[in-house]
Amino acid sequence: MAETAYLFVLPDPGTPLGAPAVAVGDLECMETPAVLAWLHAHDVTADSDLLRVLPQEADGNIPEDAERLPIPLSADEADRVRGACAPRSTAEVEAELRAFRHTNADRDRLISQALARGVPAHRIAQLTGLDPAEVAQITGA
């Protein structure tokens, strides 16, 4: 497992925070005894709208009174979590950046578009497989 995310139970159903765990797709950790026990202890099911997931870098957004559990994710699962939690326009450009690994077409346009949509340069480097210095050179940073 490469990364960590957080499962949490929304204390207020009206709060649009994170992504519903079911929207992310199958996560390997959801079938582990630890996660199943945690779900049972908090009287929530894996398909509940109140069960949410956020990537580790966004854990500061989880309300203090929310029940939370750190979960291990593979790199692919972490990308799916970030995509499900990102605004639609960011998720779309991140999908394009991941596809960039298989082509070099229109690199500068794609990177400029990603920056304009709020994707940080380090995330662009991570998604494209480019060296961070190369991304900085393209962006003029």
C-alpha atoms as a PDB file:
ATOM      1  CA  MET A   1       0.000   0.000   0.000  1.00  0.00           C
ATOM      2  CA  ALA A   2       1.335   3.358  -1.001  1.00  0.00           C
ATOM      3  CA  GLU A   3      -0.868   6.008   0.577  1.00  0.00           C
ATOM      4  CA  THR A   4      -3.339   6.784   3.326  1.00  0.00           C
ATOM      5  CA  ALA A   5      -6.845   8.213   3.169  1.00  0.00           C
ATOM      6  CA  TYR A   6      -9.551   8.664   5.785  1.00  0.00           C
ATOM      7  CA  LEU A   7     -12.946   7.084   6.090  1.00  0.00           C
ATOM      8  CA  PHE A   8     -15.247   9.196   8.195  1.00  0.00           C
ATOM      9  CA  VAL A   9     -18.887   9.416   9.150  1.00  0.00           C
ATOM     10  CA  LEU A  10     -20.487  12.763   8.374  1.00  0.00           C
ATOM     11  CA  PRO A  11     -22.030  14.170  11.551  1.00  0.00           C
ATOM     12  CA  ASP A  12     -24.294  16.434   9.448  1.00  0.00           C
ATOM     13  CA  PRO A  13     -25.826  14.856   6.308  1.00  0.00           C
ATOM     14  CA  GLY A  14     -26.129  18.312   4.732  1.00  0.00           C
ATOM     15  CA  THR A  15     -22.367  18.833   4.642  1.00  0.00           C
ATOM     16  CA  PRO A  16     -20.944  18.207   1.150  1.00  0.00           C
ATOM     17  CA  LEU A  17     -17.521  16.940   2.186  1.00  0.00           C
ATOM     18  CA  GLY A  18     -15.424  14.202   0.674  1.00  0.00           C
ATOM     19  CA  ALA A  19     -16.793  11.547  -1.610  1.00  0.00           C
ATOM     20  CA  PRO A  20     -19.226   8.817  -0.669  1.00  0.00           C
ATOM     21  CA  ALA A  21     -17.135   5.690  -0.173  1.00  0.00           C
ATOM     22  CA  VAL A  22     -19.285   3.791  -2.690  1.00  0.00           C
ATOM     23  CA  ALA A  23     -18.575   6.443  -5.353  1.00  0.00           C
ATOM     24  CA  VAL A  24     -14.866   5.624  -5.245  1.00  0.00           C
ATOM     25  CA  GLY A  25     -15.377   2.013  -6.259  1.00  0.00           C
ATOM     26  CA  ASP A  26     -13.941  -1.059  -4.629  1.00  0.00           C
ATOM     27  CA  LEU A  27     -11.249  -0.353  -2.074  1.00  0.00           C
ATOM     28  CA  GLU A  28      -9.298  -3.383  -0.942  1.00  0.00           C
ATOM     29  CA  CYS A  29      -9.279  -2.259   2.691  1.00  0.00           C
ATOM     30  CA  MET A  30     -13.090  -2.182   2.942  1.00  0.00           C
ATOM     31  CA  GLU A  31     -13.168  -5.955   3.479  1.00  0.00           C
ATOM     32  CA  THR A  32     -10.550  -6.029   6.226  1.00  0.00           C
ATOM     33  CA  PRO A  33     -11.615  -6.975   9.755  1.00  0.00           C
ATOM     34  CA  ALA A  34     -10.476  -3.582  11.069  1.00  0.00           C
ATOM     35  CA  VAL A  35     -12.676  -1.584   8.681  1.00  0.00           C
ATOM     36  CA  LEU A  36     -15.643  -3.943   9.072  1.00  0.00           C
ATOM     37  CA  ALA A  37     -15.380  -3.674  12.875  1.00  0.00           C
ATOM     38  CA  TRP A  38     -15.106   0.126  12.661  1.00  0.00           C
ATOM     39  CA  LEU A  39     -18.207   0.312  10.456  1.00  0.00           C
ATOM     40  CA  HIS A  40     -20.097  -1.949  12.843  1.00  0.00           C
ATOM     41  CA  ALA A  41     -18.962   0.057  15.891  1.00  0.00           C
ATOM     42  CA  HIS A  42     -20.292   3.252  14.319  1.00  0.00           C
ATOM     43  CA  ASP A  43     -23.487   1.622  13.082  1.00  0.00           C
ATOM     44  CA  VAL A  44     -22.854   2.551   9.456  1.00  0.00           C
ATOM     45  CA  THR A  45     -22.777   0.424   6.325  1.00  0.00           C
ATOM     46  CA  ALA A  46     -20.258   0.624   3.495  1.00  0.00           C
ATOM     47  CA  ASP A  47     -22.959   1.913   1.134  1.00  0.00           C
ATOM     48  CA  SER A  48     -24.235   4.647   3.459  1.00  0.00           C
ATOM     49  CA  ASP A  49     -24.300   8.216   2.129  1.00  0.00           C
ATOM     50  CA  LEU A  50     -22.846   9.281   5.480  1.00  0.00           C
ATOM     51  CA  LEU A  51     -19.687   7.205   4.992  1.00  0.00           C
ATOM     52  CA  ARG A  52     -17.189   9.430   3.224  1.00  0.00           C
ATOM     53  CA  VAL A  53     -13.572   9.249   2.169  1.00  0.00           C
ATOM     54  CA  LEU A  54     -10.938  11.963   1.784  1.00  0.00           C
ATOM     55  CA  PRO A  55      -7.298  11.777   0.726  1.00  0.00           C
ATOM     56  CA  GLN A  56      -4.745  12.302   3.470  1.00  0.00           C
ATOM     57  CA  GLU A  57      -3.834  15.811   2.314  1.00  0.00           C
ATOM     58  CA  ALA A  58      -7.431  16.942   2.941  1.00  0.00           C
ATOM     59  CA  ASP A  59      -7.834  15.406   6.408  1.00  0.00           C
ATOM     60  CA  GLY A  60      -7.842  18.864   8.011  1.00  0.00           C
ATOM     61  CA  ASN A  61     -11.290  19.374   6.481  1.00  0.00           C
ATOM     62  CA  ILE A  62     -12.847  16.513   8.441  1.00  0.00           C
ATOM     63  CA  PRO A  63     -15.004  17.915  11.248  1.00  0.00           C
ATOM     64  CA  GLU A  64     -13.504  17.349  14.687  1.00  0.00           C
ATOM     65  CA  ASP A  65     -16.626  15.556  15.890  1.00  0.00           C
ATOM     66  CA  ALA A  66     -16.631  13.125  12.942  1.00  0.00           C
ATOM     67  CA  GLU A  67     -15.623   9.532  13.554  1.00  0.00           C
ATOM     68  CA  ARG A  68     -12.604   8.814  11.331  1.00  0.00           C
ATOM     69  CA  LEU A  69     -10.384   5.899  10.403  1.00  0.00           C
ATOM     70  CA  PRO A  70      -7.112   6.034   8.454  1.00  0.00           C
ATOM     71  CA  ILE A  71      -7.099   3.476   5.643  1.00  0.00           C
ATOM     72  CA  PRO A  72      -4.258   2.244   3.424  1.00  0.00           C
ATOM     73  CA  LEU A  73      -4.651   2.680  -0.327  1.00  0.00           C
ATOM     74  CA  SER A  74      -2.778   1.557  -3.393  1.00  0.00           C
ATOM     75  CA  ALA A  75      -1.620   4.302  -5.756  1.00  0.00           C
ATOM     76  CA  ASP A  76      -4.539   3.537  -8.088  1.00  0.00           C
ATOM     77  CA  GLU A  77      -7.048   3.665  -5.226  1.00  0.00           C
ATOM     78  CA  ALA A  78      -5.565   6.970  -4.014  1.00  0.00           C
ATOM     79  CA  ASP A  79      -5.972   8.439  -7.512  1.00  0.00           C
ATOM     80  CA  ARG A  80      -9.616   7.314  -7.553  1.00  0.00           C
ATOM     81  CA  VAL A  81     -10.222   8.904  -4.146  1.00  0.00           C
ATOM     82  CA  ARG A  82      -8.649  12.185  -5.248  1.00  0.00           C
ATOM     83  CA  GLY A  83     -10.661  12.125  -8.468  1.00  0.00           C
ATOM     84  CA  ALA A  84     -13.927  11.468  -6.641  1.00  0.00           C
ATOM     85  CA  CYS A  85     -13.212  14.301  -4.188  1.00  0.00           C
ATOM     86  CA  ALA A  86     -11.990  16.831  -6.745  1.00  0.00           C
ATOM     87  CA  PRO A  87     -14.246  19.345  -8.445  1.00  0.00           C
ATOM     88  CA  ARG A  88     -15.446  17.947 -11.774  1.00  0.00           C
ATOM     89  CA  SER A  89     -13.177  20.173 -13.870  1.00  0.00           C
ATOM     90  CA  THR A  90     -10.124  19.170 -11.809  1.00  0.00           C
ATOM     91  CA  ALA A  91     -11.017  15.481 -12.010  1.00  0.00           C
ATOM     92  CA  GLU A  92     -11.315  15.739 -15.801  1.00  0.00           C
ATOM     93  CA  VAL A  93      -7.931  17.408 -16.228  1.00  0.00           C
ATOM     94  CA  GLU A  94      -6.308  14.911 -13.834  1.00  0.00           C
ATOM     95  CA  ALA A  95      -7.633  12.086 -16.026  1.00  0.00           C
ATOM     96  CA  GLU A  96      -6.055  13.809 -19.036  1.00  0.00           C
ATOM     97  CA  LEU A  97      -2.769  14.153 -17.148  1.00  0.00           C
ATOM     98  CA  ARG A  98      -2.754  10.436 -16.313  1.00  0.00           C
ATOM     99  CA  ALA A  99      -3.402   9.674 -19.999  1.00  0.00           C
ATOM    100  CA  PHE A 100      -0.419  11.889 -20.871  1.00  0.00           C
ATOM    101  CA  ARG A 101       1.893   9.089 -19.698  1.00  0.00           C
ATOM    102  CA  HIS A 102       1.022   7.287 -22.936  1.00  0.00           C
ATOM    103  CA  THR A 103       1.498  10.209 -25.320  1.00  0.00           C
ATOM    104  CA  ASN A 104       3.431  13.454 -25.607  1.00  0.00           C
ATOM    105  CA  ALA A 105       0.749  15.246 -27.596  1.00  0.00           C
ATOM    106  CA  ASP A 106       0.181  18.895 -26.739  1.00  0.00           C
ATOM    107  CA  ARG A 107       2.146  18.739 -23.486  1.00  0.00           C
ATOM    108  CA  ASP A 108       2.443  22.482 -22.856  1.00  0.00           C
ATOM    109  CA  ARG A 109      -1.281  23.119 -23.426  1.00  0.00           C
ATOM    110  CA  LEU A 110      -2.288  20.292 -21.129  1.00  0.00           C
ATOM    111  CA  ILE A 111       0.007  21.423 -18.324  1.00  0.00           C
ATOM    112  CA  SER A 112      -1.092  25.064 -18.646  1.00  0.00           C
ATOM    113  CA  GLN A 113      -4.729  23.983 -18.584  1.00  0.00           C
ATOM    114  CA  ALA A 114      -4.140  21.882 -15.475  1.00  0.00           C
ATOM    115  CA  LEU A 115      -2.504  24.813 -13.677  1.00  0.00           C
ATOM    116  CA  ALA A 116      -5.372  27.097 -14.676  1.00  0.00           C
ATOM    117  CA  ARG A 117      -7.836  24.616 -13.140  1.00  0.00           C
ATOM    118  CA  GLY A 118      -5.915  24.639  -9.875  1.00  0.00           C
ATOM    119  CA  VAL A 119      -3.846  21.450 -10.099  1.00  0.00           C
ATOM    120  CA  PRO A 120      -0.524  22.174  -8.341  1.00  0.00           C
ATOM    121  CA  ALA A 121       2.731  21.602 -10.222  1.00  0.00           C
ATOM    122  CA  HIS A 122       3.836  18.754  -7.922  1.00  0.00           C
ATOM    123  CA  ARG A 123       0.555  16.924  -8.629  1.00  0.00           C
ATOM    124  CA  ILE A 124       1.016  17.458 -12.387  1.00  0.00           C
ATOM    125  CA  ALA A 125       4.475  15.882 -12.142  1.00  0.00           C
ATOM    126  CA  GLN A 126       3.047  12.967 -10.169  1.00  0.00           C
ATOM    127  CA  LEU A 127       0.210  12.335 -12.642  1.00  0.00           C
ATOM    128  CA  THR A 128       2.233  12.738 -15.842  1.00  0.00           C
ATOM    129  CA  GLY A 129       5.432  11.081 -14.721  1.00  0.00           C
ATOM    130  CA  LEU A 130       7.383  14.181 -15.735  1.00  0.00           C
ATOM    131  CA  ASP A 131      10.281  15.379 -13.648  1.00  0.00           C
ATOM    132  CA  PRO A 132       9.129  18.258 -11.365  1.00  0.00           C
ATOM    133  CA  ALA A 133      11.910  20.457 -12.803  1.00  0.00           C
ATOM    134  CA  GLU A 134      10.528  19.849 -16.292  1.00  0.00           C
ATOM    135  CA  VAL A 135       7.029  20.850 -15.159  1.00  0.00           C
ATOM    136  CA  ALA A 136       8.473  24.000 -13.569  1.00  0.00           C
ATOM    137  CA  GLN A 137      10.287  24.830 -16.802  1.00  0.00           C
ATOM    138  CA  ILE A 138       7.074  24.464 -18.833  1.00  0.00           C
ATOM    139  CA  THR A 139       5.107  26.602 -16.387  1.00  0.00           C
ATOM    140  CA  GLY A 140       7.813  29.225 -16.136  1.00  0.00           C
ATOM    141  CA  ALA A 141       8.023  28.788 -12.357  1.00  0.00           C
END
